[in-house]
Each structure stands twice: as C-alpha cells, then as structure tokens.
Amino acid sequence: MSANDQTANSVIGDQPQLVLIVDDNLMSRKAVGYRLEKDGYRVAYATSGQDALDQLANEPADLMFLDLVMEGMSGLELLKKLKSDASYSAIPVVMVSGVDKADSISECLEAGASDFLHKPVMAAALREISKDLIGLPRSANVAGQLEEPELDQMPFLDTAYIEQMKKDYGEETTKDFVARFEKLVPEHVEGINAAAKERNFDAWRHAAGGLKGGARTLGLVRLASVCRNIER
C-alpha cells in the first residue's frame, strides 16, 4: 500500500485505525490515549506485556505506543517478541520512556522500534508520529494542521511547545527535561558524526532518531525535521 493509499484509508475508511497504548501507569496511558482519541483514532489500553499480547490476538493494532520500563515483561522484551512473530512484526511500535540514555534509545531502534518518544509526551509529537506511521486521522481539521512546511520555512524553535509543557507538567519539570536534553545532545551528535564518517547508515539513522525525539518534544522543529529526513 502506498503512503497516499494509507492516508486515504485513514481519512475515509469505515472506522478509524486502532492504536494500542501499553503502559503499567494509569496516568501515562490516559494522557497518551486522550490526545489520540481527540484526533479521531480508536484507542485500546494494555497494562502489561502479556495483556498487550492477549489483546493483539483478538484484534491486531495499526500502531502501538509502548512504555519501555514496566513491571514483569519490559517494553523492550515485548518489542522483541513482536518483531520475531510474523503475525505482529509489521505493527509499528513507538517506544515511550523517560530514559534519556542514548544507548537505551539505540537498543530499542535496533530491536525494531519505529520511533522513540520521550516523556513528558506532547500532543504535537503524538500527532506527527501517528501521521508518519499510519496516516492522517479522520478529522479534516486535524489533517490540515499536520501538513509540514518546507524546512527553510520552519522556525528553529517553536516556543509554543515549551509553553504547553509548562502548562501540562509545571515549570520545574520543564526545566529538568531541558537540562536532560542538553546533557544528551553531545552523545547523540557524536554518534551521528561517527556513523556518517564510517558510512554506517543504520547507526546513522538510529542516532538521528534518538536526537529527534527530544528535539521534537522541546519545539526544536527544524532539528527534528532534519533528523527525520536522515531516518527516511
């Protein structure tokens, strides 16, 4: 199916695509699910890795947002199970976590994750990822909002992201996340440069993907777009 066909299906299909949220924290599940439901997707919830497998056996999801750190079966363990099973391996999986280590992000991407989304989760990031992986939601209004401008028309920093994060999570949490991102950037940049020098394109894509998540969350939209283009 082409990207255009996939987009058309999501906009005019008989029912919205199904997104499965897997997280053992109730508030985290609801925060992600609420925003996706508002955009017109169907949303299902799983509280553990085994719960997710049971639900997928009944109805395969079109997209999964999977918490990395869970009791019992970890998100990474579940990801590896899914990618080794032909019945589920094609489902795009986005890892969601507060973990800010580049090696953890790279491990998830190497195991088959389509993307890595940092906590705190922002609505704009959820929309962008969902659009990239399974097409636009049914809402024509939201679909219009998701059209991406050319790179040279993007701002380096969209401060609305930071302001929304302050409203959702408070100023101290926002400052903490910015500090974590600043600390992580040199590690990612080093990985991108090393992979490019070695012409290791898989490593280059993984390193760019790790940097993209934090940049997108903080409103560094041009940097996030450059990283996404590297992945593509």
Protein backbone atom coordinates (compact mmCIF):
# COMPACT_ATOMS: atom_id res chain seq x y z
CA MET A 1 0.00 0.00 0.00
CA SER A 2 1.38 3.40 -0.94
CA ALA A 3 1.61 6.27 1.56
CA ASN A 4 -1.18 8.06 -0.31
CA ASP A 5 -3.41 4.98 -0.19
CA GLN A 6 -2.69 4.58 3.52
CA THR A 7 -3.55 8.22 4.17
CA ALA A 8 -6.76 7.94 2.19
CA ASN A 9 -7.77 4.86 4.15
CA SER A 10 -7.30 6.62 7.48
CA VAL A 11 -9.33 9.64 6.39
CA ILE A 12 -12.23 7.98 4.58
CA GLY A 13 -12.16 4.39 5.83
CA ASP A 14 -15.14 2.79 7.57
CA GLN A 15 -13.58 3.13 11.01
CA PRO A 16 -10.55 4.83 12.49
CA GLN A 17 -7.30 2.95 12.85
CA LEU A 18 -6.63 1.26 16.18
CA VAL A 19 -3.79 2.47 18.39
CA LEU A 20 -2.77 0.30 21.36
CA ILE A 21 -1.26 2.06 24.39
CA VAL A 22 0.83 -0.28 26.56
CA ASP A 23 1.88 1.17 29.92
CA ASP A 24 1.53 -0.04 33.51
CA ASN A 25 0.97 3.54 34.71
CA LEU A 26 -2.67 4.64 34.51
CA MET A 27 -1.97 8.36 34.13
CA SER A 28 0.57 7.76 31.36
CA ARG A 29 -1.87 5.55 29.48
CA LYS A 30 -4.67 8.06 29.74
CA ALA A 31 -2.50 11.06 28.81
CA VAL A 32 -1.41 9.45 25.55
CA GLY A 33 -4.78 7.89 24.76
CA TYR A 34 -6.79 11.04 25.41
CA ARG A 35 -4.83 13.04 22.87
CA LEU A 36 -5.05 10.32 20.21
CA GLU A 37 -8.79 9.89 20.75
CA LYS A 38 -9.30 13.63 20.32
CA ASP A 39 -7.58 13.37 16.94
CA GLY A 40 -10.02 10.67 15.82
CA TYR A 41 -8.12 7.42 16.33
CA ARG A 42 -9.58 4.40 18.09
CA VAL A 43 -7.58 3.65 21.23
CA ALA A 44 -7.17 0.47 23.29
CA TYR A 45 -5.19 0.09 26.51
CA ALA A 46 -2.97 -2.68 27.89
CA THR A 47 -1.47 -2.68 31.38
CA SER A 48 1.33 -5.19 30.77
CA GLY A 49 3.21 -7.01 28.05
CA GLN A 50 1.07 -10.12 28.38
CA ASP A 51 -2.10 -8.04 28.34
CA ALA A 52 -0.91 -6.47 25.08
CA LEU A 53 -0.26 -9.88 23.50
CA ASP A 54 -3.71 -11.09 24.55
CA GLN A 55 -5.37 -8.04 23.02
CA LEU A 56 -3.39 -8.31 19.79
CA ALA A 57 -4.52 -11.92 19.43
CA ASN A 58 -8.13 -10.67 19.42
CA GLU A 59 -7.60 -7.59 17.21
CA PRO A 60 -4.27 -6.53 15.70
CA ALA A 61 -3.45 -2.87 16.22
CA ASP A 62 -2.37 -0.48 13.48
CA LEU A 63 0.10 1.27 15.80
CA MET A 64 1.45 0.73 19.30
CA PHE A 65 2.85 3.16 21.86
CA LEU A 66 4.87 1.03 24.29
CA ASP A 67 6.38 2.08 27.61
CA LEU A 68 10.00 0.98 27.96
CA VAL A 69 10.04 0.38 31.73
CA MET A 70 7.25 -1.87 33.04
CA GLU A 71 6.99 -4.45 35.79
CA GLY A 72 7.21 -8.05 34.62
CA MET A 73 7.81 -8.10 30.87
CA SER A 74 9.68 -4.92 29.92
CA GLY A 75 8.80 -2.87 26.88
CA LEU A 76 11.99 -3.97 25.16
CA GLU A 77 11.19 -7.63 25.80
CA LEU A 78 7.71 -7.19 24.35
CA LEU A 79 9.12 -5.34 21.35
CA LYS A 80 11.48 -8.21 20.59
CA LYS A 81 8.63 -10.73 20.88
CA LEU A 82 6.51 -8.75 18.45
CA LYS A 83 9.27 -8.32 15.90
CA SER A 84 10.11 -12.03 15.97
CA ASP A 85 6.48 -13.05 15.33
CA ALA A 86 5.31 -12.78 11.72
CA SER A 87 1.75 -12.12 12.91
CA TYR A 88 2.77 -8.86 14.61
CA SER A 89 6.13 -7.84 13.17
CA ALA A 90 4.62 -5.31 10.76
CA ILE A 91 2.92 -3.30 13.53
CA PRO A 92 4.81 -0.01 14.01
CA VAL A 93 5.92 0.30 17.63
CA VAL A 94 6.84 3.63 19.23
CA MET A 95 8.74 3.31 22.50
CA VAL A 96 7.81 5.83 25.19
CA SER A 97 10.06 6.48 28.17
CA GLY A 98 11.68 8.96 30.49
CA VAL A 99 15.01 7.15 29.97
CA ASP A 100 17.46 9.62 28.48
CA LYS A 101 20.44 7.40 27.64
CA ALA A 102 21.42 7.21 24.00
CA ASP A 103 22.33 3.52 24.24
CA SER A 104 18.85 2.65 25.55
CA ILE A 105 17.25 4.53 22.67
CA SER A 106 19.55 2.88 20.13
CA GLU A 107 18.81 -0.57 21.57
CA CYS A 108 15.08 -0.03 21.03
CA LEU A 109 15.55 1.23 17.48
CA GLU A 110 17.88 -1.65 16.64
CA ALA A 111 15.29 -4.09 18.01
CA GLY A 112 12.75 -2.78 15.52
CA ALA A 113 11.04 0.22 17.13
CA SER A 114 9.80 2.74 14.57
CA ASP A 115 10.43 5.71 16.83
CA PHE A 116 11.28 6.73 20.39
CA LEU A 117 9.16 9.31 22.21
CA HIS A 118 10.41 10.99 25.37
CA LYS A 119 8.26 11.66 28.40
CA PRO A 120 6.66 14.07 29.04
CA VAL A 121 4.58 13.28 25.95
CA MET A 122 3.38 16.22 23.87
CA ALA A 123 0.27 16.24 21.68
CA ALA A 124 2.12 17.59 18.65
CA ALA A 125 4.66 14.76 18.81
CA LEU A 126 1.91 12.13 19.03
CA ARG A 127 0.17 13.63 16.04
CA GLU A 128 3.35 13.82 13.97
CA ILE A 129 4.39 10.24 14.71
CA SER A 130 0.91 8.83 14.08
CA LYS A 131 0.68 10.70 10.78
CA ASP A 132 4.10 9.43 9.67
CA LEU A 133 3.40 5.80 10.57
CA ILE A 134 -0.29 5.15 9.81
CA GLY A 135 -1.62 8.22 8.04
CA LEU A 136 -3.88 11.08 8.99
CA PRO A 137 -6.75 10.75 11.45
CA ARG A 138 -10.32 11.10 10.25
CA SER A 139 -10.71 14.72 11.30
CA ALA A 140 -10.20 17.03 8.33
CA ASN A 141 -9.32 19.90 10.69
CA VAL A 142 -6.53 17.91 12.34
CA ALA A 143 -5.36 16.65 8.95
CA GLY A 144 -4.81 20.23 7.85
CA GLN A 145 -2.82 21.00 10.98
CA LEU A 146 -0.43 18.13 10.26
CA GLU A 147 0.78 19.36 6.88
CA GLU A 148 4.51 20.04 7.24
CA PRO A 149 6.09 23.19 5.75
CA GLU A 150 9.37 23.21 3.86
CA LEU A 151 12.48 23.05 6.06
CA ASP A 152 13.58 26.63 5.36
CA GLN A 153 10.12 27.85 6.42
CA MET A 154 10.29 26.17 9.82
CA PRO A 155 11.38 28.11 12.90
CA PHE A 156 14.44 26.84 14.75
CA LEU A 157 12.41 26.94 17.97
CA ASP A 158 8.63 26.93 18.37
CA THR A 159 8.19 28.29 21.90
CA ALA A 160 4.57 27.08 21.99
CA TYR A 161 5.91 23.60 22.75
CA ILE A 162 7.73 24.85 25.84
CA GLU A 163 4.75 26.89 27.00
CA GLN A 164 2.45 23.88 26.63
CA MET A 165 4.88 21.70 28.54
CA LYS A 166 4.89 24.24 31.39
CA LYS A 167 1.08 24.13 31.50
CA ASP A 168 0.94 20.34 31.42
CA TYR A 169 3.85 19.47 33.70
CA GLY A 170 4.96 22.60 35.53
CA GLU A 171 7.99 24.83 35.18
CA GLU A 172 10.37 22.72 37.26
CA THR A 173 9.68 19.54 35.26
CA THR A 174 10.14 21.50 32.05
CA LYS A 175 13.48 22.87 33.23
CA ASP A 176 14.58 19.38 34.22
CA PHE A 177 13.70 17.98 30.82
CA VAL A 178 15.55 20.77 29.02
CA ALA A 179 18.63 20.10 31.17
CA ARG A 180 18.45 16.37 30.43
CA PHE A 181 18.18 17.06 26.71
CA GLU A 182 21.15 19.45 26.77
CA LYS A 183 23.21 16.78 28.52
CA LEU A 184 22.18 14.12 25.99
CA VAL A 185 22.77 16.14 22.80
CA PRO A 186 26.60 15.77 22.62
CA GLU A 187 26.28 11.99 22.91
CA HIS A 188 23.81 11.85 20.04
CA VAL A 189 25.79 14.26 17.87
CA GLU A 190 28.93 12.20 18.43
CA GLY A 191 27.03 9.10 17.35
CA ILE A 192 25.68 10.80 14.23
CA ASN A 193 29.12 12.08 13.22
CA ALA A 194 30.84 8.74 13.85
CA ALA A 195 28.24 6.79 11.89
CA ALA A 196 28.39 9.23 8.97
CA LYS A 197 32.19 9.03 8.89
CA GLU A 198 32.04 5.23 8.87
CA ARG A 199 29.17 5.25 6.34
CA ASN A 200 27.20 3.06 8.72
CA PHE A 201 23.75 4.12 7.64
CA ASP A 202 21.78 2.02 10.14
CA ALA A 203 23.74 3.53 13.03
CA TRP A 204 23.34 6.99 11.48
CA ARG A 205 19.57 6.56 11.32
CA HIS A 206 19.37 5.25 14.90
CA ALA A 207 21.44 8.11 16.29
CA ALA A 208 19.33 10.65 14.42
CA GLY A 209 16.16 9.01 15.72
CA GLY A 210 17.33 9.32 19.29
CA LEU A 211 18.04 13.03 18.91
CA LYS A 212 14.78 13.63 17.06
CA GLY A 213 12.52 12.66 19.98
CA GLY A 214 13.90 15.20 22.42
CA ALA A 215 14.14 17.93 19.79
CA ARG A 216 10.54 17.43 18.77
CA THR A 217 9.27 17.50 22.35
CA LEU A 218 11.06 20.79 23.10
CA GLY A 219 9.85 22.50 19.94
CA LEU A 220 13.18 22.38 18.06
CA VAL A 221 11.16 21.67 14.95
CA ARG A 222 13.83 22.27 12.32
CA LEU A 223 16.32 19.98 14.07
CA ALA A 224 13.61 17.33 14.49
CA SER A 225 12.77 17.56 10.78
CA VAL A 226 16.43 17.18 9.75
CA CYS A 227 16.71 14.08 11.94
CA ARG A 228 13.50 12.65 10.49
CA ASN A 229 14.84 13.20 6.97
CA ILE A 230 18.01 11.30 7.89
CA GLU A 231 15.86 8.38 9.03
CA ARG A 232 13.86 8.40 5.81
